[in-house]
Amino acid sequence: MKSILLSIALLVSNLSYAVDQQLYKQHGEYKVFYSAFNSSFIDPDIAVANDIVRGKDKGLVNIAVAKVPGVALPAVVSGTVSNIIQQSQTLEFVAVREQNTVYYLAPFEFDNEDFLTFKIRVVPQSDGPETVYPYDFKFQKKMYVD
């Protein structure tokens, strides 16, 4: 479990890089970090231990919500991914927890050189009395088969 978290952490915990590259969306006081990558990035042993299906045409979406850089917060995350001809998949997110941090992963399938549009809805869990509203955003990524 620790190794997958290390892999995920490498993708999103370098928040200064993510901030510089605009790999996040601002939602009030929350930053919603996002990435999509080929599942072959995950080590086979780690994938088996965490029920992640690897494959040349399989990807993962990673979402993290933070107020303070480096400390991801709980949220409700949902979404879809669609290709250029509007074939759509529902994303089923699973929470991955480590100490005070939580990331959300969802698998998806793609064809080589697929230009994908990810539509994500995030509802951060409030740590106080304030009302937190859903935040809808989208991002696009071209995926390549390994």
N, C-alpha and C. Protein backbone atom coordinates (compact mmCIF):
# COMPACT_ATOMS: atom_id res chain seq x y z
N MET A 1 0.83 -1.19 0.00
CA MET A 1 0.00 0.00 0.00
C MET A 1 0.87 1.25 0.00
N LYS A 2 1.94 1.20 0.76
CA LYS A 2 2.80 2.37 0.87
C LYS A 2 3.43 2.72 -0.47
N SER A 3 3.77 1.70 -1.26
CA SER A 3 4.40 1.96 -2.56
C SER A 3 3.45 2.63 -3.54
N ILE A 4 2.17 2.23 -3.52
CA ILE A 4 1.23 2.91 -4.43
C ILE A 4 1.07 4.35 -4.00
N LEU A 5 1.05 4.58 -2.71
CA LEU A 5 0.91 5.95 -2.24
C LEU A 5 2.13 6.76 -2.62
N LEU A 6 3.29 6.13 -2.59
CA LEU A 6 4.48 6.83 -3.03
C LEU A 6 4.38 7.17 -4.50
N SER A 7 3.90 6.23 -5.31
CA SER A 7 3.71 6.50 -6.74
C SER A 7 2.73 7.63 -6.96
N ILE A 8 1.61 7.59 -6.25
CA ILE A 8 0.60 8.64 -6.39
C ILE A 8 1.16 9.96 -5.88
N ALA A 9 1.89 9.88 -4.79
CA ALA A 9 2.48 11.09 -4.23
C ALA A 9 3.41 11.75 -5.23
N LEU A 10 4.16 10.93 -5.96
CA LEU A 10 5.04 11.49 -6.98
C LEU A 10 4.27 12.24 -8.05
N LEU A 11 3.04 11.80 -8.30
CA LEU A 11 2.21 12.45 -9.32
C LEU A 11 1.62 13.76 -8.84
N VAL A 12 1.23 13.83 -7.57
CA VAL A 12 0.52 15.03 -7.13
C VAL A 12 1.15 15.77 -5.96
N SER A 13 2.05 15.15 -5.23
CA SER A 13 2.55 15.82 -4.03
C SER A 13 3.58 16.89 -4.33
N ASN A 14 4.16 16.86 -5.51
CA ASN A 14 5.06 17.95 -5.87
C ASN A 14 4.19 19.14 -6.28
N LEU A 15 3.55 19.72 -5.29
CA LEU A 15 2.55 20.73 -5.55
C LEU A 15 3.14 21.99 -6.17
N SER A 16 4.40 22.28 -5.91
CA SER A 16 4.97 23.47 -6.55
C SER A 16 5.02 23.28 -8.05
N TYR A 17 5.35 22.06 -8.52
CA TYR A 17 5.32 21.78 -9.95
C TYR A 17 3.90 21.87 -10.48
N ALA A 18 2.97 21.26 -9.75
CA ALA A 18 1.56 21.28 -10.16
C ALA A 18 1.04 22.71 -10.22
N VAL A 19 1.42 23.53 -9.26
CA VAL A 19 0.98 24.92 -9.26
C VAL A 19 1.57 25.64 -10.46
N ASP A 20 2.86 25.44 -10.72
CA ASP A 20 3.51 26.09 -11.86
C ASP A 20 2.89 25.67 -13.18
N GLN A 21 2.50 24.41 -13.31
CA GLN A 21 1.96 23.89 -14.56
C GLN A 21 0.44 24.00 -14.64
N GLN A 22 -0.19 24.59 -13.64
CA GLN A 22 -1.65 24.71 -13.58
C GLN A 22 -2.34 23.35 -13.68
N LEU A 23 -1.86 22.39 -12.91
CA LEU A 23 -2.49 21.07 -12.86
C LEU A 23 -3.50 21.02 -11.72
N TYR A 24 -4.13 22.14 -11.47
CA TYR A 24 -5.16 22.21 -10.46
C TYR A 24 -6.20 23.24 -10.88
N LYS A 25 -7.36 23.14 -10.24
CA LYS A 25 -8.43 24.12 -10.42
C LYS A 25 -8.70 24.73 -9.06
N GLN A 26 -8.92 26.03 -9.04
CA GLN A 26 -9.23 26.73 -7.80
C GLN A 26 -10.74 26.72 -7.57
N HIS A 27 -11.17 26.35 -6.38
CA HIS A 27 -12.59 26.35 -6.00
C HIS A 27 -12.69 27.00 -4.63
N GLY A 28 -12.91 28.31 -4.62
CA GLY A 28 -12.90 29.03 -3.35
C GLY A 28 -11.54 28.90 -2.70
N GLU A 29 -11.52 28.42 -1.46
CA GLU A 29 -10.24 28.25 -0.77
C GLU A 29 -9.61 26.88 -1.03
N TYR A 30 -10.26 26.06 -1.85
CA TYR A 30 -9.76 24.73 -2.16
C TYR A 30 -9.03 24.71 -3.50
N LYS A 31 -7.99 23.89 -3.57
CA LYS A 31 -7.33 23.59 -4.83
C LYS A 31 -7.66 22.12 -5.15
N VAL A 32 -8.11 21.87 -6.37
CA VAL A 32 -8.43 20.51 -6.80
C VAL A 32 -7.36 20.09 -7.80
N PHE A 33 -6.48 19.18 -7.38
CA PHE A 33 -5.39 18.70 -8.21
C PHE A 33 -5.88 17.50 -9.01
N TYR A 34 -5.42 17.39 -10.26
CA TYR A 34 -5.90 16.32 -11.12
C TYR A 34 -4.77 15.83 -12.03
N SER A 35 -4.87 14.56 -12.39
CA SER A 35 -3.96 13.98 -13.37
C SER A 35 -4.60 12.73 -13.94
N ALA A 36 -4.18 12.36 -15.13
CA ALA A 36 -4.59 11.11 -15.78
C ALA A 36 -3.32 10.50 -16.36
N PHE A 37 -3.15 9.20 -16.17
CA PHE A 37 -1.92 8.55 -16.61
C PHE A 37 -2.20 7.09 -16.94
N ASN A 38 -1.28 6.49 -17.67
CA ASN A 38 -1.39 5.09 -18.05
C ASN A 38 -1.16 4.22 -16.82
N SER A 39 -1.98 3.19 -16.66
CA SER A 39 -1.87 2.31 -15.49
C SER A 39 -0.56 1.55 -15.45
N SER A 40 0.14 1.44 -16.56
CA SER A 40 1.42 0.74 -16.56
C SER A 40 2.47 1.48 -15.74
N PHE A 41 2.19 2.70 -15.37
CA PHE A 41 3.08 3.46 -14.50
C PHE A 41 3.17 2.82 -13.12
N ILE A 42 2.10 2.15 -12.71
CA ILE A 42 2.05 1.50 -11.40
C ILE A 42 2.77 0.16 -11.47
N ASP A 43 3.64 -0.10 -10.51
CA ASP A 43 4.37 -1.36 -10.41
C ASP A 43 3.38 -2.53 -10.34
N PRO A 44 3.64 -3.64 -11.04
CA PRO A 44 2.70 -4.78 -11.05
C PRO A 44 2.34 -5.30 -9.66
N ASP A 45 3.31 -5.42 -8.76
CA ASP A 45 3.02 -5.93 -7.42
C ASP A 45 2.10 -4.98 -6.64
N ILE A 46 2.33 -3.69 -6.82
CA ILE A 46 1.50 -2.69 -6.15
C ILE A 46 0.10 -2.71 -6.72
N ALA A 47 0.00 -2.88 -8.04
CA ALA A 47 -1.31 -2.94 -8.69
C ALA A 47 -2.13 -4.12 -8.16
N VAL A 48 -1.51 -5.28 -8.05
CA VAL A 48 -2.20 -6.47 -7.55
C VAL A 48 -2.65 -6.24 -6.10
N ALA A 49 -1.77 -5.69 -5.29
CA ALA A 49 -2.10 -5.47 -3.88
C ALA A 49 -3.23 -4.47 -3.69
N ASN A 50 -3.48 -3.62 -4.69
CA ASN A 50 -4.49 -2.58 -4.55
C ASN A 50 -5.63 -2.71 -5.56
N ASP A 51 -5.76 -3.89 -6.15
CA ASP A 51 -6.84 -4.16 -7.10
C ASP A 51 -6.87 -3.17 -8.27
N ILE A 52 -5.71 -2.80 -8.76
CA ILE A 52 -5.61 -1.92 -9.92
C ILE A 52 -5.30 -2.78 -11.13
N VAL A 53 -6.12 -2.67 -12.15
CA VAL A 53 -5.91 -3.44 -13.37
C VAL A 53 -4.98 -2.64 -14.28
N ARG A 54 -3.84 -3.25 -14.58
CA ARG A 54 -2.89 -2.61 -15.48
C ARG A 54 -3.13 -3.10 -16.90
N GLY A 55 -2.76 -2.31 -17.86
CA GLY A 55 -2.87 -2.72 -19.25
C GLY A 55 -2.44 -1.60 -20.17
N LYS A 56 -2.09 -1.97 -21.40
CA LYS A 56 -1.60 -0.97 -22.34
C LYS A 56 -2.67 0.06 -22.70
N ASP A 57 -3.94 -0.30 -22.53
CA ASP A 57 -5.04 0.59 -22.87
C ASP A 57 -5.87 0.98 -21.64
N LYS A 58 -5.25 0.93 -20.46
CA LYS A 58 -5.94 1.24 -19.22
C LYS A 58 -5.24 2.41 -18.53
N GLY A 59 -6.06 3.34 -18.07
CA GLY A 59 -5.52 4.51 -17.40
C GLY A 59 -6.15 4.71 -16.03
N LEU A 60 -5.61 5.67 -15.30
CA LEU A 60 -6.13 6.05 -14.00
C LEU A 60 -6.25 7.57 -13.95
N VAL A 61 -7.31 8.03 -13.33
CA VAL A 61 -7.48 9.45 -13.03
C VAL A 61 -7.21 9.60 -11.54
N ASN A 62 -6.47 10.63 -11.17
CA ASN A 62 -6.15 10.90 -9.78
C ASN A 62 -6.65 12.30 -9.44
N ILE A 63 -7.44 12.41 -8.37
CA ILE A 63 -7.97 13.69 -7.91
C ILE A 63 -7.60 13.84 -6.44
N ALA A 64 -7.16 15.03 -6.07
CA ALA A 64 -6.89 15.36 -4.67
C ALA A 64 -7.38 16.77 -4.42
N VAL A 65 -7.93 16.99 -3.23
CA VAL A 65 -8.46 18.30 -2.84
C VAL A 65 -7.66 18.79 -1.64
N ALA A 66 -7.20 20.03 -1.70
CA ALA A 66 -6.39 20.57 -0.60
C ALA A 66 -6.70 22.03 -0.35
N LYS A 67 -6.61 22.41 0.93
CA LYS A 67 -6.62 23.83 1.30
C LYS A 67 -5.18 24.26 1.49
N VAL A 68 -4.41 23.38 2.13
CA VAL A 68 -3.00 23.61 2.40
C VAL A 68 -2.20 22.68 1.50
N PRO A 69 -1.20 23.18 0.76
CA PRO A 69 -0.42 22.30 -0.11
C PRO A 69 0.16 21.11 0.65
N GLY A 70 0.02 19.93 0.06
CA GLY A 70 0.57 18.72 0.64
C GLY A 70 -0.36 17.99 1.58
N VAL A 71 -1.53 18.55 1.88
CA VAL A 71 -2.49 17.91 2.78
C VAL A 71 -3.82 17.78 2.05
N ALA A 72 -4.06 16.62 1.45
CA ALA A 72 -5.30 16.40 0.72
C ALA A 72 -6.44 16.11 1.70
N LEU A 73 -7.63 16.59 1.36
CA LEU A 73 -8.80 16.49 2.23
C LEU A 73 -9.84 15.53 1.66
N PRO A 74 -10.72 15.01 2.52
CA PRO A 74 -11.81 14.16 2.03
C PRO A 74 -12.77 14.95 1.14
N ALA A 75 -13.34 14.25 0.18
CA ALA A 75 -14.30 14.86 -0.74
C ALA A 75 -15.14 13.75 -1.35
N VAL A 76 -16.22 14.14 -1.98
CA VAL A 76 -17.00 13.21 -2.79
C VAL A 76 -16.64 13.54 -4.23
N VAL A 77 -16.15 12.54 -4.96
CA VAL A 77 -15.66 12.76 -6.33
C VAL A 77 -16.41 11.83 -7.28
N SER A 78 -16.87 12.39 -8.38
CA SER A 78 -17.53 11.60 -9.42
C SER A 78 -17.17 12.19 -10.77
N GLY A 79 -17.48 11.46 -11.84
CA GLY A 79 -17.19 12.01 -13.15
C GLY A 79 -17.35 11.02 -14.28
N THR A 80 -17.06 11.53 -15.46
CA THR A 80 -17.08 10.73 -16.68
C THR A 80 -15.87 11.08 -17.52
N VAL A 81 -15.56 10.19 -18.45
CA VAL A 81 -14.53 10.45 -19.45
C VAL A 81 -15.11 10.07 -20.79
N SER A 82 -14.86 10.90 -21.80
CA SER A 82 -15.38 10.59 -23.13
C SER A 82 -14.31 10.90 -24.18
N ASN A 83 -14.41 10.16 -25.29
CA ASN A 83 -13.46 10.38 -26.37
C ASN A 83 -14.05 11.37 -27.38
N ILE A 84 -13.34 11.59 -28.46
CA ILE A 84 -13.74 12.60 -29.43
C ILE A 84 -15.05 12.28 -30.15
N ILE A 85 -15.43 10.98 -30.19
CA ILE A 85 -16.71 10.63 -30.82
C ILE A 85 -17.79 10.39 -29.76
N GLN A 86 -17.56 10.95 -28.57
CA GLN A 86 -18.53 10.98 -27.48
C GLN A 86 -18.87 9.62 -26.88
N GLN A 87 -17.98 8.64 -27.03
CA GLN A 87 -18.13 7.39 -26.28
C GLN A 87 -17.71 7.70 -24.85
N SER A 88 -18.59 7.39 -23.91
CA SER A 88 -18.40 7.84 -22.54
C SER A 88 -18.29 6.67 -21.56
N GLN A 89 -17.51 6.89 -20.50
CA GLN A 89 -17.38 5.93 -19.41
C GLN A 89 -17.63 6.67 -18.11
N THR A 90 -18.34 6.03 -17.20
CA THR A 90 -18.51 6.59 -15.86
C THR A 90 -17.29 6.25 -15.04
N LEU A 91 -16.75 7.23 -14.34
CA LEU A 91 -15.57 7.02 -13.50
C LEU A 91 -16.03 6.62 -12.10
N GLU A 92 -15.49 5.51 -11.61
CA GLU A 92 -15.80 5.01 -10.28
C GLU A 92 -14.59 5.26 -9.39
N PHE A 93 -14.64 6.30 -8.59
CA PHE A 93 -13.50 6.70 -7.77
C PHE A 93 -13.43 5.89 -6.48
N VAL A 94 -12.19 5.55 -6.10
CA VAL A 94 -11.91 4.84 -4.86
C VAL A 94 -10.94 5.71 -4.06
N ALA A 95 -11.23 5.86 -2.78
CA ALA A 95 -10.36 6.66 -1.91
C ALA A 95 -9.13 5.85 -1.52
N VAL A 96 -7.97 6.49 -1.61
CA VAL A 96 -6.71 5.91 -1.15
C VAL A 96 -6.24 6.81 -0.02
N ARG A 97 -6.14 6.25 1.19
CA ARG A 97 -5.82 7.06 2.37
C ARG A 97 -4.43 6.74 2.89
N GLU A 98 -3.77 7.79 3.33
CA GLU A 98 -2.46 7.67 3.98
C GLU A 98 -2.36 8.75 5.03
N GLN A 99 -2.27 8.35 6.28
CA GLN A 99 -2.21 9.28 7.40
C GLN A 99 -3.31 10.34 7.27
N ASN A 100 -2.95 11.61 7.09
CA ASN A 100 -3.95 12.68 7.01
C ASN A 100 -4.27 13.07 5.58
N THR A 101 -3.94 12.21 4.62
CA THR A 101 -4.12 12.55 3.21
C THR A 101 -5.01 11.52 2.54
N VAL A 102 -5.77 11.98 1.56
CA VAL A 102 -6.62 11.08 0.79
C VAL A 102 -6.59 11.51 -0.68
N TYR A 103 -6.45 10.53 -1.57
CA TYR A 103 -6.49 10.74 -3.00
C TYR A 103 -7.62 9.88 -3.56
N TYR A 104 -8.13 10.25 -4.70
CA TYR A 104 -9.20 9.50 -5.33
C TYR A 104 -8.75 9.01 -6.70
N LEU A 105 -8.83 7.70 -6.91
CA LEU A 105 -8.41 7.08 -8.17
C LEU A 105 -9.61 6.44 -8.86
N ALA A 106 -9.64 6.57 -10.19
CA ALA A 106 -10.67 5.90 -10.98
C ALA A 106 -10.04 5.35 -12.25
N PRO A 107 -10.31 4.08 -12.57
CA PRO A 107 -9.78 3.50 -13.81
C PRO A 107 -10.64 3.86 -15.02
N PHE A 108 -10.01 3.84 -16.19
CA PHE A 108 -10.72 4.04 -17.45
C PHE A 108 -9.95 3.34 -18.56
N GLU A 109 -10.60 3.13 -19.69
CA GLU A 109 -9.97 2.51 -20.85
C GLU A 109 -9.86 3.53 -21.97
N PHE A 110 -8.88 3.31 -22.85
CA PHE A 110 -8.68 4.24 -23.96
C PHE A 110 -8.03 3.52 -25.14
N ASP A 111 -8.13 4.13 -26.31
CA ASP A 111 -7.44 3.65 -27.51
C ASP A 111 -6.19 4.51 -27.71
N ASN A 112 -5.27 4.02 -28.52
CA ASN A 112 -4.05 4.78 -28.78
C ASN A 112 -4.39 6.15 -29.39
N GLU A 113 -3.73 7.14 -28.87
CA GLU A 113 -3.88 8.53 -29.30
C GLU A 113 -5.30 9.06 -29.11
N ASP A 114 -6.01 8.50 -28.13
CA ASP A 114 -7.34 9.01 -27.78
C ASP A 114 -7.19 10.39 -27.15
N PHE A 115 -7.99 11.32 -27.63
CA PHE A 115 -8.07 12.64 -27.03
C PHE A 115 -9.29 12.62 -26.13
N LEU A 116 -9.06 12.59 -24.82
CA LEU A 116 -10.13 12.37 -23.86
C LEU A 116 -10.52 13.64 -23.12
N THR A 117 -11.79 13.75 -22.81
CA THR A 117 -12.30 14.84 -22.00
C THR A 117 -12.83 14.26 -20.70
N PHE A 118 -12.27 14.71 -19.60
CA PHE A 118 -12.67 14.27 -18.27
C PHE A 118 -13.57 15.35 -17.67
N LYS A 119 -14.77 14.95 -17.25
CA LYS A 119 -15.70 15.86 -16.57
C LYS A 119 -15.81 15.37 -15.13
N ILE A 120 -15.39 16.21 -14.21
CA ILE A 120 -15.26 15.82 -12.81
C ILE A 120 -16.14 16.72 -11.93
N ARG A 121 -16.76 16.11 -10.93
CA ARG A 121 -17.49 16.85 -9.91
C ARG A 121 -16.85 16.53 -8.56
N VAL A 122 -16.51 17.58 -7.83
CA VAL A 122 -15.88 17.44 -6.52
C VAL A 122 -16.72 18.21 -5.50
N VAL A 123 -16.99 17.56 -4.38
CA VAL A 123 -17.64 18.23 -3.26
C VAL A 123 -16.73 18.03 -2.05
N PRO A 124 -15.89 19.05 -1.73
CA PRO A 124 -15.01 18.92 -0.56
C PRO A 124 -15.84 18.78 0.71
N GLN A 125 -15.35 17.97 1.64
CA GLN A 125 -16.03 17.86 2.93
C GLN A 125 -15.54 19.01 3.80
N SER A 126 -16.46 19.79 4.27
CA SER A 126 -16.14 20.96 5.07
C SER A 126 -15.59 20.54 6.43
N ASP A 127 -14.57 21.27 6.89
CA ASP A 127 -14.04 21.01 8.23
C ASP A 127 -14.58 22.04 9.22
N GLY A 128 -15.60 22.77 8.81
CA GLY A 128 -16.20 23.78 9.68
C GLY A 128 -17.66 23.94 9.34
N PRO A 129 -18.27 25.02 9.83
CA PRO A 129 -19.70 25.23 9.63
C PRO A 129 -20.08 25.78 8.24
N GLU A 130 -19.09 26.18 7.45
CA GLU A 130 -19.41 26.77 6.15
C GLU A 130 -19.99 25.74 5.20
N THR A 131 -20.84 26.22 4.30
CA THR A 131 -21.42 25.37 3.28
C THR A 131 -20.45 25.27 2.12
N VAL A 132 -20.20 24.06 1.65
CA VAL A 132 -19.31 23.85 0.51
C VAL A 132 -20.15 23.37 -0.66
N TYR A 133 -20.02 24.05 -1.77
CA TYR A 133 -20.80 23.72 -2.95
C TYR A 133 -20.03 22.81 -3.90
N PRO A 134 -20.75 22.04 -4.69
CA PRO A 134 -20.07 21.19 -5.68
C PRO A 134 -19.29 22.04 -6.67
N TYR A 135 -18.21 21.47 -7.15
CA TYR A 135 -17.38 22.14 -8.15
C TYR A 135 -17.25 21.22 -9.34
N ASP A 136 -17.72 21.67 -10.50
CA ASP A 136 -17.62 20.91 -11.73
C ASP A 136 -16.54 21.51 -12.60
N PHE A 137 -15.67 20.65 -13.13
CA PHE A 137 -14.64 21.14 -14.06
C PHE A 137 -14.33 20.04 -15.06
N LYS A 138 -13.62 20.41 -16.09
CA LYS A 138 -13.19 19.41 -17.06
C LYS A 138 -11.76 19.69 -17.45
N PHE A 139 -11.10 18.62 -17.89
CA PHE A 139 -9.76 18.75 -18.45
C PHE A 139 -9.63 17.72 -19.56
N GLN A 140 -8.66 17.96 -20.41
CA GLN A 140 -8.46 17.07 -21.55
C GLN A 140 -7.05 16.54 -21.56
N LYS A 141 -6.92 15.33 -22.11
CA LYS A 141 -5.60 14.70 -22.18
C LYS A 141 -5.58 13.72 -23.34
N LYS A 142 -4.49 13.71 -24.06
CA LYS A 142 -4.28 12.73 -25.11
C LYS A 142 -3.53 11.56 -24.49
N MET A 143 -4.07 10.35 -24.67
CA MET A 143 -3.49 9.16 -24.08
C MET A 143 -2.87 8.28 -25.16
N TYR A 144 -1.77 7.63 -24.81
CA TYR A 144 -1.07 6.76 -25.74
C TYR A 144 -0.94 5.36 -25.15
N VAL A 145 -1.16 4.35 -25.98
CA VAL A 145 -0.98 2.95 -25.58
C VAL A 145 0.51 2.70 -25.46
N ASP A 146 0.90 2.00 -24.38
CA ASP A 146 2.33 1.66 -24.20
C ASP A 146 2.78 0.64 -25.22
